[in-house]
Amino acid sequence: MRNRVIQIALTAAFALLLIQVVLVAPSQIRDAEQKASLLPAPPVLEKGSDVDQSMNGMHMIETHEGKKEWELWSDKAVSLKAKEVLELEAVKSIFFSDSGVTFTVTGKTGRVETKSKNLRVDGDVVTRSSNGYVFRTQTMEYDSEGRKIRANQVVQMLGPQDIQGHSLNLTGVGMESSLADGTMDVLRDVRAQKVLDNGQRALIKSQRARFSANSRAAQFFGDVVLDMENMRITGPEAKFEYDKDSDVLKSVMFTGGARVSDADKWATAQNVKVDFEKNRFIFRGSPRLVQNNDELRGEEIIFLDGGKRVQVQGARAKVDEKRLEKNQ
């Protein structure tokens, strides 16, 4: 009798197992497959891939001595194994200077070295200072140790607009911005043009140029050439001075020895100031004017009406005697 009971129990257990395998298990498998199809597929990494992690919508903040140094956004970031590098897509970053001025940089792709905090942005890169300067390059790099933004290629710069809507348009090679002192330098082969308040066009060439992130100050260094209509001014250094209220270019000051020339005369002095408001040129520091072999020296020489009239203080003249004999 006991053996009969055991046999019946084993038969019932086998029947239940058969029902689970044949009827229930296929249904559970189908449900699991349907649920799996609704979940996002995990990233597929190739065998030997350097990719450690991929993420969308990344945001990073880096600080320096307790203050925010830069902030970065990216549509997509990929972490590379053992290289301590983040590869970025659609990048926007903001750099904070000690003076409070910010530089906003955007580009197609980027890279962050997670250990050094150095950063690179590539592809149609635009750098905008909060006081209105815009720099366009193909690549921008940030040196975290030196706290400098750099570009080594061709640079196109557009300055802030004045009250007349005019901007300084400039091209050059290489750019460097310092977060410590708020300066922006174009490093070589500078070519620029500026429309003046009176509609006159000024063309500038120099080896290097510097702009301030804190003001409208602009300086040009090294073989500076300024052309305006029929007048040319050359010298080692020139500074553009703007009106604080209207942001209109008021004057240009050449220092370190300058020369001014037009069709019939030329003049030299240690310092030359071009006053755009009064349309005059002021020569100070051993000024000398030569016209038709006549030489004029003085304490100060002023070209009035854009050079049509000349005013001299403490004049000392040297006249061409041969020309005088011909006129007698």
Protein backbone atom coordinates (compact mmCIF):
# COMPACT_ATOMS: atom_id res chain seq x y z
CA MET A 1 0.00 0.00 0.00
CA ARG A 2 2.78 2.41 0.93
CA ASN A 3 4.58 1.76 -2.36
CA ARG A 4 1.34 2.46 -4.17
CA VAL A 5 1.05 5.92 -2.53
CA ILE A 6 4.65 6.82 -3.41
CA GLN A 7 4.09 5.81 -7.02
CA ILE A 8 0.96 8.00 -7.28
CA ALA A 9 2.85 11.01 -5.78
CA LEU A 10 5.76 10.66 -8.23
CA THR A 11 3.34 10.42 -11.14
CA ALA A 12 1.57 13.64 -10.06
CA ALA A 13 4.88 15.54 -9.66
CA PHE A 14 6.03 14.48 -13.12
CA ALA A 15 2.71 15.64 -14.58
CA LEU A 16 3.07 19.08 -12.95
CA LEU A 17 6.65 19.41 -14.27
CA LEU A 18 5.48 18.52 -17.76
CA ILE A 19 2.75 21.20 -17.63
CA GLN A 20 5.33 23.85 -16.47
CA VAL A 21 7.74 23.02 -19.32
CA VAL A 22 5.17 22.69 -22.10
CA LEU A 23 2.64 25.38 -21.22
CA VAL A 24 3.96 27.92 -18.69
CA ALA A 25 7.66 28.30 -19.61
CA PRO A 26 7.09 29.40 -23.27
CA SER A 27 4.69 32.11 -22.03
CA GLN A 28 7.27 33.46 -19.55
CA ILE A 29 9.96 33.49 -22.24
CA ARG A 30 7.70 35.46 -24.60
CA ASP A 31 6.91 38.01 -21.85
CA ALA A 32 10.62 38.45 -21.07
CA GLU A 33 11.42 38.98 -24.76
CA GLN A 34 8.68 41.61 -25.08
CA LYS A 35 9.94 43.50 -22.01
CA ALA A 36 13.53 43.37 -23.26
CA SER A 37 12.47 44.84 -26.60
CA LEU A 38 11.10 47.92 -24.79
CA LEU A 39 14.38 48.70 -22.98
CA PRO A 40 17.13 50.87 -24.62
CA ALA A 41 19.95 48.81 -26.02
CA PRO A 42 23.20 49.07 -24.04
CA PRO A 43 26.17 50.64 -25.88
CA VAL A 44 27.97 48.13 -28.05
CA LEU A 45 31.71 48.29 -27.44
CA GLU A 46 34.06 46.75 -29.96
CA LYS A 47 36.56 44.22 -28.70
CA GLY A 48 39.65 46.10 -27.54
CA SER A 49 37.80 49.47 -27.48
CA ASP A 50 39.24 52.30 -25.36
CA VAL A 51 35.76 53.54 -24.51
CA ASP A 52 35.03 53.26 -20.80
CA GLN A 53 31.72 55.12 -20.57
CA SER A 54 29.41 57.15 -22.82
CA MET A 55 26.95 59.74 -21.58
CA ASN A 56 24.56 62.34 -23.00
CA GLY A 57 24.10 65.89 -21.72
CA MET A 58 27.33 66.30 -19.73
CA HIS A 59 28.00 69.32 -17.46
CA MET A 60 31.32 70.01 -15.70
CA ILE A 61 32.60 72.78 -13.38
CA GLU A 62 36.28 73.39 -12.57
CA THR A 63 37.48 75.73 -9.80
CA HIS A 64 40.75 77.57 -9.12
CA GLU A 65 41.67 78.67 -5.60
CA GLY A 66 38.05 78.35 -4.51
CA LYS A 67 36.64 80.29 -7.46
CA LYS A 68 34.95 79.01 -10.58
CA GLU A 69 37.53 78.78 -13.39
CA TRP A 70 35.51 77.23 -16.19
CA GLU A 71 32.16 75.61 -16.81
CA LEU A 72 31.43 73.24 -19.65
CA TRP A 73 28.40 71.69 -21.38
CA SER A 74 28.40 68.98 -24.04
CA ASP A 75 25.64 67.11 -25.88
CA LYS A 76 27.65 63.89 -25.63
CA ALA A 77 30.80 62.79 -23.81
CA VAL A 78 32.83 59.60 -24.14
CA SER A 79 35.37 58.57 -21.51
CA LEU A 80 38.47 56.83 -22.88
CA LYS A 81 40.00 54.01 -20.87
CA ALA A 82 43.35 54.59 -19.20
CA LYS A 83 43.86 57.90 -21.07
CA GLU A 84 42.07 60.15 -18.59
CA VAL A 85 40.38 61.94 -21.51
CA LEU A 86 36.81 62.93 -22.28
CA GLU A 87 35.85 63.24 -25.96
CA LEU A 88 33.02 65.75 -26.46
CA GLU A 89 30.43 66.66 -29.08
CA ALA A 90 28.68 70.06 -29.43
CA VAL A 91 30.72 71.93 -26.85
CA LYS A 92 30.04 75.15 -24.95
CA SER A 93 32.40 76.40 -22.25
CA ILE A 94 32.64 79.58 -20.17
CA PHE A 95 35.95 80.79 -18.71
CA PHE A 96 36.00 83.22 -15.78
CA SER A 97 38.76 85.86 -15.47
CA ASP A 98 39.96 87.44 -12.24
CA SER A 99 38.46 90.78 -13.28
CA GLY A 100 34.98 89.31 -13.72
CA VAL A 101 35.05 89.28 -17.52
CA THR A 102 34.00 85.97 -19.09
CA PHE A 103 34.97 84.22 -22.31
CA THR A 104 32.36 81.93 -23.89
CA VAL A 105 33.72 79.32 -26.32
CA THR A 106 31.63 77.11 -28.61
CA GLY A 107 32.64 74.47 -31.15
CA LYS A 108 31.69 71.20 -32.82
CA THR A 109 33.91 68.84 -30.82
CA GLY A 110 36.17 68.97 -27.81
CA ARG A 111 38.47 67.13 -25.46
CA VAL A 112 39.11 67.45 -21.72
CA GLU A 113 42.19 66.02 -20.03
CA THR A 114 40.61 65.04 -16.72
CA LYS A 115 43.91 65.09 -14.78
CA SER A 116 45.44 68.37 -16.03
CA LYS A 117 42.05 70.05 -16.72
CA ASN A 118 43.41 71.25 -20.07
CA LEU A 119 40.70 71.65 -22.68
CA ARG A 120 40.55 71.75 -26.48
CA VAL A 121 37.67 72.77 -28.77
CA ASP A 122 37.66 72.13 -32.54
CA GLY A 123 35.51 73.01 -35.52
CA ASP A 124 34.12 76.51 -36.25
CA VAL A 125 35.22 77.74 -32.84
CA VAL A 126 33.79 81.07 -31.65
CA THR A 127 35.19 82.86 -28.58
CA ARG A 128 33.17 85.79 -27.22
CA SER A 129 34.32 88.11 -24.45
CA SER A 130 31.64 89.60 -22.24
CA ASN A 131 32.70 93.12 -23.34
CA GLY A 132 31.89 92.43 -26.99
CA TYR A 133 34.96 90.99 -28.78
CA VAL A 134 34.37 87.98 -31.04
CA PHE A 135 37.21 85.69 -32.22
CA ARG A 136 36.71 82.97 -34.85
CA THR A 137 39.23 80.13 -35.22
CA GLN A 138 39.23 76.45 -36.12
CA THR A 139 40.80 75.32 -32.85
CA MET A 140 41.06 76.68 -29.32
CA GLU A 141 43.09 75.27 -26.44
CA TYR A 142 42.95 76.13 -22.75
CA ASP A 143 46.11 75.81 -20.63
CA SER A 144 44.89 75.27 -17.08
CA GLU A 145 48.27 75.86 -15.42
CA GLY A 146 48.86 79.17 -17.21
CA ARG A 147 45.13 80.02 -17.26
CA LYS A 148 45.31 81.06 -20.90
CA ILE A 149 43.10 80.49 -23.94
CA ARG A 150 45.17 79.95 -27.09
CA ALA A 151 44.77 79.43 -30.83
CA ASN A 152 47.63 78.93 -33.28
CA GLN A 153 45.84 79.30 -36.61
CA VAL A 154 44.33 82.18 -38.56
CA VAL A 155 42.15 84.38 -36.37
CA GLN A 156 39.26 86.61 -37.39
CA MET A 157 38.24 89.22 -34.85
CA LEU A 158 35.28 91.59 -34.68
CA GLY A 159 35.43 94.34 -32.06
CA PRO A 160 32.52 95.83 -30.12
CA GLN A 161 30.30 98.21 -32.07
CA ASP A 162 30.49 101.92 -31.34
CA ILE A 163 27.50 104.27 -31.17
CA GLN A 164 27.54 104.51 -34.98
CA GLY A 165 27.40 100.71 -35.33
CA HIS A 166 31.01 100.47 -36.55
CA SER A 167 33.39 97.74 -35.44
CA LEU A 168 37.09 97.05 -35.71
CA ASN A 169 37.53 94.17 -38.19
CA LEU A 170 40.81 92.29 -37.85
CA THR A 171 42.62 89.20 -39.09
CA GLY A 172 45.87 87.72 -37.82
CA VAL A 173 47.66 84.52 -36.91
CA GLY A 174 47.53 83.16 -33.38
CA MET A 175 45.53 84.39 -30.37
CA GLU A 176 46.07 84.31 -26.61
CA SER A 177 43.71 85.44 -23.84
CA SER A 178 44.77 85.59 -20.20
CA LEU A 179 42.28 84.97 -17.41
CA ALA A 180 44.72 86.48 -14.90
CA ASP A 181 45.01 89.97 -16.43
CA GLY A 182 42.06 90.09 -18.86
CA THR A 183 44.09 90.72 -22.04
CA MET A 184 43.46 89.37 -25.56
CA ASP A 185 46.45 89.28 -27.94
CA VAL A 186 46.58 88.59 -31.68
CA LEU A 187 50.14 87.37 -32.04
CA ARG A 188 51.32 88.15 -35.59
CA ASP A 189 50.49 89.34 -39.12
CA VAL A 190 47.79 91.73 -37.94
CA ARG A 191 45.59 93.41 -40.56
CA ALA A 192 42.64 95.55 -39.48
CA GLN A 193 40.24 98.21 -40.65
CA LYS A 194 38.05 100.64 -38.77
CA VAL A 195 35.35 103.00 -40.07
CA LEU A 196 35.69 106.32 -38.24
CA ASP A 197 32.90 108.54 -36.98
CA ASN A 198 33.18 110.78 -40.07
CA GLY A 199 32.88 107.79 -42.42
CA GLN A 200 36.59 107.77 -43.22
CA ARG A 201 38.22 104.32 -43.35
CA ALA A 202 41.41 103.60 -41.42
CA LEU A 203 43.60 100.61 -42.37
CA ILE A 204 46.06 99.23 -39.81
CA LYS A 205 48.94 96.76 -40.13
CA SER A 206 51.24 95.56 -37.34
CA GLN A 207 53.13 92.56 -36.06
CA ARG A 208 50.96 92.15 -32.94
CA ALA A 209 47.85 93.62 -31.30
CA ARG A 210 46.47 93.66 -27.77
CA PHE A 211 42.92 94.28 -26.58
CA SER A 212 41.53 94.67 -23.08
CA ALA A 213 38.65 92.61 -21.74
CA ASN A 214 38.00 95.37 -19.20
CA SER A 215 37.82 98.39 -21.55
CA ARG A 216 37.91 99.40 -25.23
CA ALA A 217 41.68 99.96 -25.18
CA ALA A 218 43.51 98.60 -28.25
CA GLN A 219 47.26 98.60 -28.86
CA PHE A 220 49.31 97.68 -31.93
CA PHE A 221 53.00 96.76 -31.76
CA GLY A 222 55.83 96.27 -34.24
CA ASP A 223 56.10 98.12 -37.57
CA VAL A 224 52.70 99.72 -37.20
CA VAL A 225 51.24 101.29 -40.36
CA LEU A 226 48.07 103.41 -40.35
CA ASP A 227 46.64 104.53 -43.73
CA MET A 228 43.86 107.11 -43.98
CA GLU A 229 43.01 108.46 -47.45
CA ASN A 230 46.29 110.04 -48.68
CA MET A 231 48.03 110.05 -45.29
CA ARG A 232 50.29 107.31 -43.88
CA ILE A 233 51.66 107.06 -40.32
CA THR A 234 54.31 104.54 -39.28
CA GLY A 235 55.89 103.76 -35.92
CA PRO A 236 56.78 101.00 -33.45
CA GLU A 237 53.66 101.31 -31.30
CA ALA A 238 50.16 102.81 -31.51
CA LYS A 239 47.29 103.00 -29.05
CA PHE A 240 43.62 103.55 -29.92
CA GLU A 241 41.81 105.77 -27.43
CA TYR A 242 37.99 105.68 -27.21
CA ASP A 243 35.47 108.06 -25.70
CA LYS A 244 34.21 106.48 -22.46
CA ASP A 245 30.62 107.67 -22.94
CA SER A 246 30.02 106.99 -26.64
CA ASP A 247 32.65 104.29 -27.38
CA VAL A 248 33.64 106.32 -30.47
CA LEU A 249 37.31 106.22 -31.48
CA LYS A 250 38.71 109.63 -30.44
CA SER A 251 42.39 109.38 -31.31
CA VAL A 252 45.42 107.23 -32.07
CA MET A 253 48.69 107.86 -30.26
CA PHE A 254 51.97 106.74 -31.89
CA THR A 255 54.95 106.50 -29.52
CA GLY A 256 58.61 105.56 -29.78
CA GLY A 257 59.28 107.60 -32.96
CA ALA A 258 56.73 108.09 -35.73
CA ARG A 259 56.64 109.34 -39.31
CA VAL A 260 53.71 110.92 -41.14
CA SER A 261 53.69 111.41 -44.91
CA ASP A 262 51.38 112.47 -47.70
CA ALA A 263 51.84 113.44 -51.36
CA ASP A 264 53.96 116.59 -50.81
CA LYS A 265 55.40 116.49 -47.28
CA TRP A 266 56.56 114.31 -44.44
CA ALA A 267 57.12 114.83 -40.74
CA THR A 268 58.69 112.97 -37.84
CA ALA A 269 58.49 113.21 -34.05
CA GLN A 270 58.96 111.09 -30.97
CA ASN A 271 55.19 111.04 -30.43
CA VAL A 272 52.36 111.71 -32.88
CA LYS A 273 48.70 112.00 -31.91
CA VAL A 274 45.94 111.73 -34.50
CA ASP A 275 42.93 113.63 -33.17
CA PHE A 276 39.90 112.42 -35.12
CA GLU A 277 37.48 114.78 -33.38
CA LYS A 278 39.37 117.90 -34.49
CA ASN A 279 40.89 116.37 -37.65
CA ARG A 280 44.45 117.25 -36.71
CA PHE A 281 47.88 115.66 -36.21
CA ILE A 282 49.99 116.76 -33.22
CA PHE A 283 53.78 116.18 -33.30
CA ARG A 284 55.74 116.33 -30.03
CA GLY A 285 59.30 115.36 -29.13
CA SER A 286 61.81 116.86 -31.63
CA PRO A 287 59.22 117.36 -34.37
CA ARG A 288 60.49 117.93 -37.90
CA LEU A 289 58.57 118.82 -41.07
CA VAL A 290 60.03 118.63 -44.59
CA GLN A 291 58.22 119.99 -47.67
CA ASN A 292 59.73 120.88 -51.06
CA ASN A 293 63.25 120.63 -49.55
CA ASP A 294 62.27 123.18 -46.89
CA GLU A 295 62.73 121.96 -43.34
CA LEU A 296 60.78 123.19 -40.34
CA ARG A 297 61.48 122.32 -36.71
CA GLY A 298 59.85 123.45 -33.49
CA GLU A 299 58.66 122.56 -30.03
CA GLU A 300 55.34 121.35 -31.42
CA ILE A 301 54.01 120.94 -34.96
CA ILE A 302 50.31 120.57 -35.72
CA PHE A 303 48.70 119.57 -39.02
CA LEU A 304 45.26 121.20 -39.17
CA ASP A 305 42.33 120.22 -41.41
CA GLY A 306 43.83 116.81 -41.98
CA GLY A 307 47.19 118.26 -43.03
CA LYS A 308 46.08 121.15 -45.27
CA ARG A 309 47.42 123.77 -42.83
CA VAL A 310 50.45 123.69 -40.53
CA GLN A 311 50.90 125.37 -37.15
CA VAL A 312 54.32 125.47 -35.44
CA GLN A 313 55.29 126.53 -31.94
CA GLY A 314 58.89 127.76 -31.47
CA ALA A 315 59.58 127.41 -35.20
CA ARG A 316 63.07 127.10 -36.67
CA ALA A 317 63.13 127.01 -40.45
CA LYS A 318 65.69 125.88 -43.00
CA VAL A 319 64.77 127.06 -46.50
CA ASP A 320 65.99 125.64 -49.82
CA GLU A 321 68.17 128.52 -51.13
CA LYS A 322 68.21 127.19 -54.71
CA ARG A 323 64.42 127.26 -54.82
CA LEU A 324 64.46 130.83 -53.50
CA GLU A 325 66.94 131.91 -56.21
CA LYS A 326 64.66 130.44 -58.90
CA ASN A 327 61.68 132.38 -57.52
CA GLN A 328 63.59 135.71 -57.54
